[in-house]
Amino acid sequence: MSGMKRTTEKNLMVFSGRAHPGLAEQVAEQLGAGLVPTSAYDFANGEIYVRFEESVRGSDAFVIQSHTSPINEWIMEQLIMVDALKRASAKRITVVLPFYGYARQDKKHRGREPISARLMADLFKTAGANRLICVDLHTSQIQGFFDGPVDHLMALPILSKYVQEKYGDQQLAVVSPDAGRIKVAEQWSARLNGAPPRVSDQRSASRRRPESGETTATFLRSTRRLTCEASSGSAKRWSTGPSKKPWICAVCRSTAISRSAPAALKKSAIRRALIGSRPRCFLSCRAYP
């Protein structure tokens, strides 16, 4: 009998870019593994160099990179890391995207516009990625842009459970800052025992206000300063009256919050903010302040 038989052993390896190494370290700690030592730096002309200090041949590689500012630099670095793993004979490459860059450009609103979210998926596929793991995509249709498996994780179950446990004894109203998030508001409503959904129209003076008996509202917003601007604006309008009630701002995508968000939250009408905690957003929920 020719050939050789051997029991295959899986070798999980976690890699991190320079965007947010602390996040990758906590993920690796949860998995009971360490980050693979990596040399990464910029050349004088701005080009990025990446090299892994250990053999990755036959490994199951997970590349973690948050697409924060400067977003284009971190996207390119992650693409280079994926290409390096492919050329180093990694068995399977999984790209972990806590925040999917260019996700909001998922369709054409006018002529001569790009669909950048599809371009992102094509870039990772061409670089050599076999699978994507994303958290709270802007729209679920982005999963179809990538020609391969996509794991779409959501912080909604953890956040809604926290709200139900802490405020379930109150009469809740779920408020979406615009019509684009009404489907998410309906999902929240279903998890909060049918709390009535509301829509805050930022452009119109006629708005559906919560009823007088509704004491708490859950806002759904996920993009930087708009978290405070849209949600706080509605809170100020709707909290005026005989009795001002507490307002909750629930934000699923913690990676999309800017550094100025905490200061803006303190100045806003929002009384409490719930954020899918990093990287334990799959395990727990943080409340701010």
Protein backbone atom coordinates (compact mmCIF):
# COMPACT_ATOMS: atom_id res chain seq x y z
CA MET A 1 0.00 0.00 0.00
CA SER A 2 1.48 3.29 -1.12
CA GLY A 3 1.03 6.63 0.57
CA MET A 4 0.95 7.76 4.18
CA LYS A 5 -1.97 8.11 6.56
CA ARG A 6 -1.86 10.59 9.39
CA THR A 7 -4.42 12.04 11.79
CA THR A 8 -4.95 15.70 10.94
CA GLU A 9 -4.43 18.20 13.74
CA LYS A 10 -6.04 21.64 13.58
CA ASN A 11 -3.82 24.59 14.39
CA LEU A 12 -5.72 27.77 15.22
CA MET A 13 -3.68 30.97 14.95
CA VAL A 14 -4.87 34.52 15.67
CA PHE A 15 -3.37 37.52 13.88
CA SER A 16 -3.85 41.21 14.57
CA GLY A 17 -3.33 44.36 12.58
CA ARG A 18 -2.20 47.63 14.11
CA ALA A 19 -5.63 49.28 14.20
CA HIS A 20 -6.69 47.90 17.59
CA PRO A 21 -4.27 45.26 18.94
CA GLY A 22 -5.93 45.41 22.37
CA LEU A 23 -9.14 43.98 20.90
CA ALA A 24 -7.29 41.08 19.28
CA GLU A 25 -5.41 40.38 22.52
CA GLN A 26 -8.67 40.04 24.44
CA VAL A 27 -10.12 37.77 21.75
CA ALA A 28 -7.00 35.59 21.84
CA GLU A 29 -7.22 35.46 25.64
CA GLN A 30 -10.81 34.24 25.43
CA LEU A 31 -9.69 31.51 23.03
CA GLY A 32 -6.75 30.51 25.21
CA ALA A 33 -4.26 31.34 22.48
CA GLY A 34 -1.67 34.04 21.97
CA LEU A 35 -1.30 36.44 19.07
CA VAL A 36 1.19 35.42 16.41
CA PRO A 37 4.25 37.75 16.52
CA THR A 38 4.07 40.05 13.53
CA SER A 39 6.41 42.65 12.07
CA ALA A 40 4.45 45.52 10.52
CA TYR A 41 5.62 49.01 9.68
CA ASP A 42 5.34 51.73 7.06
CA PHE A 43 7.99 52.58 4.52
CA ALA A 44 9.01 56.20 4.01
CA ASN A 45 6.69 56.47 0.99
CA GLY A 46 3.68 55.20 2.99
CA GLU A 47 3.67 51.58 1.77
CA ILE A 48 2.91 48.88 4.37
CA TYR A 49 5.16 45.92 5.16
CA VAL A 50 3.94 42.82 7.02
CA ARG A 51 5.75 39.61 7.95
CA PHE A 52 4.78 36.86 10.41
CA GLU A 53 7.54 35.66 12.73
CA GLU A 54 6.22 32.08 12.96
CA SER A 55 5.36 29.40 10.43
CA VAL A 56 1.68 29.46 9.47
CA ARG A 57 1.73 26.48 7.10
CA GLY A 58 -1.47 24.43 7.39
CA SER A 59 -2.96 26.69 10.05
CA ASP A 60 -6.53 27.87 10.53
CA ALA A 61 -5.80 31.61 10.50
CA PHE A 62 -8.05 34.35 11.93
CA VAL A 63 -7.08 37.91 10.95
CA ILE A 64 -8.64 40.58 13.19
CA GLN A 65 -8.66 44.21 12.11
CA SER A 66 -11.01 47.05 13.03
CA HIS A 67 -11.67 49.43 10.15
CA THR A 68 -11.31 52.66 12.08
CA SER A 69 -9.67 55.92 11.07
CA PRO A 70 -7.52 55.98 8.97
CA ILE A 71 -9.83 53.40 7.44
CA ASN A 72 -8.10 53.00 4.08
CA GLU A 73 -4.75 52.26 5.71
CA TRP A 74 -6.16 49.55 7.98
CA ILE A 75 -8.11 47.93 5.16
CA MET A 76 -4.98 47.76 3.02
CA GLU A 77 -2.96 46.35 5.91
CA GLN A 78 -5.49 43.58 6.46
CA LEU A 79 -5.50 42.74 2.75
CA ILE A 80 -1.70 42.48 2.81
CA MET A 81 -1.87 40.21 5.87
CA VAL A 82 -4.34 37.92 4.10
CA ASP A 83 -2.12 37.80 1.02
CA ALA A 84 0.92 36.96 3.16
CA LEU A 85 -0.98 34.10 4.83
CA LYS A 86 -2.11 32.71 1.48
CA ARG A 87 1.44 32.75 0.11
CA ALA A 88 2.70 31.13 3.34
CA SER A 89 0.36 28.13 2.78
CA ALA A 90 -2.20 28.76 5.53
CA LYS A 91 -4.91 26.12 5.20
CA ARG A 92 -7.88 28.42 5.79
CA ILE A 93 -8.04 32.19 6.25
CA THR A 94 -10.90 33.82 8.15
CA VAL A 95 -11.15 37.62 8.11
CA VAL A 96 -12.70 39.06 11.28
CA LEU A 97 -14.30 42.48 10.74
CA PRO A 98 -15.73 44.03 13.94
CA PHE A 99 -16.69 46.95 11.69
CA TYR A 100 -17.06 46.38 7.94
CA GLY A 101 -15.55 49.36 6.15
CA TYR A 102 -17.61 51.06 3.43
CA ALA A 103 -20.67 49.05 4.52
CA ARG A 104 -22.98 52.05 4.07
CA GLN A 105 -22.17 52.21 0.37
CA ASP A 106 -24.13 49.04 -0.33
CA LYS A 107 -26.27 50.29 -3.25
CA LYS A 108 -26.50 53.03 -5.85
CA HIS A 109 -28.70 55.97 -4.95
CA ARG A 110 -27.86 57.88 -8.12
CA GLY A 111 -26.10 57.22 -11.39
CA ARG A 112 -22.29 56.96 -11.60
CA GLU A 113 -21.97 55.93 -7.92
CA PRO A 114 -19.93 52.94 -6.73
CA ILE A 115 -21.08 49.99 -4.64
CA SER A 116 -18.06 50.07 -2.38
CA ALA A 117 -19.31 47.37 -0.01
CA ARG A 118 -19.23 44.88 -2.90
CA LEU A 119 -15.75 46.06 -3.85
CA MET A 120 -14.58 45.36 -0.30
CA ALA A 121 -15.86 41.79 -0.49
CA ASP A 122 -14.16 41.25 -3.86
CA LEU A 123 -10.86 42.58 -2.51
CA PHE A 124 -10.81 40.15 0.40
CA LYS A 125 -11.77 37.23 -1.86
CA THR A 126 -9.01 38.10 -4.32
CA ALA A 127 -6.49 38.47 -1.49
CA GLY A 128 -7.24 34.90 -0.39
CA ALA A 129 -9.89 35.04 2.36
CA ASN A 130 -12.02 31.90 2.70
CA ARG A 131 -14.54 33.23 5.22
CA LEU A 132 -15.70 36.53 6.73
CA ILE A 133 -16.88 37.13 10.30
CA CYS A 134 -18.73 40.44 10.64
CA VAL A 135 -20.55 42.18 13.48
CA ASP A 136 -23.80 44.08 12.90
CA LEU A 137 -23.55 44.80 9.19
CA HIS A 138 -25.24 47.95 7.94
CA THR A 139 -27.59 45.77 5.87
CA SER A 140 -27.86 41.99 5.72
CA GLN A 141 -27.60 41.99 1.93
CA ILE A 142 -23.84 42.60 2.24
CA GLN A 143 -23.50 38.92 3.16
CA GLY A 144 -24.30 38.09 -0.46
CA PHE A 145 -21.48 40.25 -1.81
CA PHE A 146 -18.78 37.83 -0.64
CA ASP A 147 -18.36 34.65 -2.67
CA GLY A 148 -18.00 32.36 0.33
CA PRO A 149 -19.30 31.77 3.87
CA VAL A 150 -20.13 34.86 5.96
CA ASP A 151 -20.85 34.69 9.69
CA HIS A 152 -22.99 37.69 10.61
CA LEU A 153 -22.88 38.15 14.40
CA MET A 154 -25.24 40.51 16.20
CA ALA A 155 -25.15 42.28 19.56
CA LEU A 156 -28.95 42.64 19.57
CA PRO A 157 -29.66 39.52 21.70
CA ILE A 158 -27.27 40.65 24.45
CA LEU A 159 -28.46 44.28 24.46
CA SER A 160 -32.16 43.42 24.36
CA LYS A 161 -31.72 40.89 27.17
CA TYR A 162 -30.02 43.54 29.30
CA VAL A 163 -32.81 46.06 28.65
CA GLN A 164 -35.44 43.44 29.43
CA GLU A 165 -33.78 42.50 32.72
CA LYS A 166 -33.18 46.09 33.88
CA TYR A 167 -36.27 47.85 32.54
CA GLY A 168 -38.73 45.05 31.82
CA ASP A 169 -41.04 46.24 34.58
CA GLN A 170 -41.53 49.59 32.82
CA GLN A 171 -43.63 50.41 29.79
CA LEU A 172 -41.12 50.56 26.93
CA ALA A 173 -41.15 52.17 23.52
CA VAL A 174 -38.61 51.33 20.81
CA VAL A 175 -37.58 54.41 18.81
CA SER A 176 -35.76 54.27 15.49
CA PRO A 177 -33.97 57.50 14.50
CA ASP A 178 -35.08 57.14 10.87
CA ALA A 179 -37.07 54.88 8.54
CA GLY A 180 -33.94 52.97 7.56
CA ARG A 181 -33.72 51.27 10.96
CA ILE A 182 -37.40 50.42 11.36
CA LYS A 183 -36.73 46.72 10.75
CA VAL A 184 -34.23 46.72 13.61
CA ALA A 185 -36.80 48.50 15.77
CA GLU A 186 -39.29 45.74 14.98
CA GLN A 187 -36.74 43.12 16.04
CA TRP A 188 -36.24 44.97 19.33
CA SER A 189 -40.00 45.19 19.76
CA ALA A 190 -40.35 41.43 19.36
CA ARG A 191 -37.67 40.81 22.01
CA LEU A 192 -39.14 43.34 24.45
CA ASN A 193 -42.57 41.73 24.71
CA GLY A 194 -44.10 43.77 21.91
CA ALA A 195 -42.93 47.24 22.97
CA PRO A 196 -44.45 49.60 20.38
CA PRO A 197 -41.96 50.79 17.72
CA ARG A 198 -41.69 54.49 16.88
CA VAL A 199 -39.91 56.38 14.11
CA SER A 200 -38.21 59.74 14.59
CA ASP A 201 -38.36 61.67 11.32
CA GLN A 202 -35.49 64.15 11.47
CA ARG A 203 -36.81 66.13 8.48
CA SER A 204 -40.46 66.54 9.37
CA ALA A 205 -42.19 68.45 12.12
CA SER A 206 -44.88 65.78 12.38
CA ARG A 207 -43.55 62.87 14.44
CA ARG A 208 -45.06 59.93 16.20
CA ARG A 209 -44.45 60.61 19.86
CA PRO A 210 -44.47 57.95 22.55
CA GLU A 211 -47.70 57.78 24.49
CA SER A 212 -47.86 59.49 27.86
CA GLY A 213 -47.54 56.18 29.71
CA GLU A 214 -44.37 55.13 27.90
CA THR A 215 -41.56 55.83 30.30
CA THR A 216 -38.48 54.54 28.52
CA ALA A 217 -37.33 54.56 24.89
CA THR A 218 -34.60 52.55 23.26
CA PHE A 219 -32.74 54.33 20.47
CA LEU A 220 -31.09 52.43 17.65
CA ARG A 221 -28.11 54.17 16.11
CA SER A 222 -24.66 53.00 15.19
CA THR A 223 -22.65 55.66 13.40
CA ARG A 224 -20.28 57.95 15.29
CA ARG A 225 -21.58 61.41 16.18
CA LEU A 226 -25.05 60.66 14.81
CA THR A 227 -25.49 58.37 17.80
CA CYS A 228 -25.77 61.47 19.95
CA GLU A 229 -27.19 63.94 17.42
CA ALA A 230 -30.15 61.88 16.19
CA SER A 231 -30.98 60.10 19.41
CA SER A 232 -30.42 63.07 21.68
CA GLY A 233 -32.46 65.33 19.41
CA SER A 234 -35.44 63.02 19.63
CA ALA A 235 -34.97 62.59 23.36
CA LYS A 236 -35.04 66.34 23.94
CA ARG A 237 -38.22 66.73 21.91
CA TRP A 238 -39.99 63.76 23.43
CA SER A 239 -38.86 64.14 27.04
CA THR A 240 -40.44 67.55 27.44
CA GLY A 241 -43.71 67.45 29.30
CA PRO A 242 -45.19 67.01 32.77
CA SER A 243 -42.81 64.16 33.63
CA LYS A 244 -39.38 63.65 32.11
CA LYS A 245 -38.52 59.97 31.91
CA PRO A 246 -35.19 58.18 31.44
CA TRP A 247 -33.98 57.54 27.90
CA ILE A 248 -31.72 54.73 26.78
CA CYS A 249 -29.46 54.83 23.75
CA ALA A 250 -28.62 51.29 22.60
CA VAL A 251 -25.68 51.10 20.22
CA CYS A 252 -24.77 47.75 18.72
CA ARG A 253 -21.57 48.60 16.84
CA SER A 254 -19.13 49.65 19.51
CA THR A 255 -16.33 49.93 16.93
CA ALA A 256 -18.20 52.72 15.14
CA ILE A 257 -18.22 55.07 18.10
CA SER A 258 -15.87 58.03 17.82
CA ARG A 259 -13.60 59.22 20.61
CA SER A 260 -15.79 62.29 21.13
CA ALA A 261 -18.90 60.17 21.76
CA PRO A 262 -18.56 59.92 25.59
CA ALA A 263 -18.34 63.71 25.98
CA ALA A 264 -21.27 64.20 23.60
CA LEU A 265 -23.35 61.65 25.52
CA LYS A 266 -22.80 63.54 28.77
CA LYS A 267 -24.13 66.73 27.19
CA SER A 268 -27.10 65.02 25.53
CA ALA A 269 -30.58 64.22 26.86
CA ILE A 270 -29.68 60.54 26.90
CA ARG A 271 -29.62 59.20 30.45
CA ARG A 272 -28.03 55.82 29.78
CA ALA A 273 -26.13 54.25 26.87
CA LEU A 274 -25.83 50.50 26.28
CA ILE A 275 -22.94 49.39 24.12
CA GLY A 276 -21.96 45.92 22.88
CA SER A 277 -18.72 45.64 24.84
CA ARG A 278 -15.46 44.79 23.09
CA PRO A 279 -14.75 41.97 22.40
CA ARG A 280 -17.17 40.47 24.87
CA CYS A 281 -20.09 41.91 22.91
CA PHE A 282 -20.96 38.27 22.30
CA LEU A 283 -20.98 37.61 26.04
CA SER A 284 -22.08 40.71 27.92
CA CYS A 285 -23.25 44.30 27.72
CA ARG A 286 -21.75 47.53 29.01
CA ALA A 287 -23.73 50.46 30.30
CA TYR A 288 -22.50 54.06 30.11
CA PRO A 289 -22.32 56.04 32.27
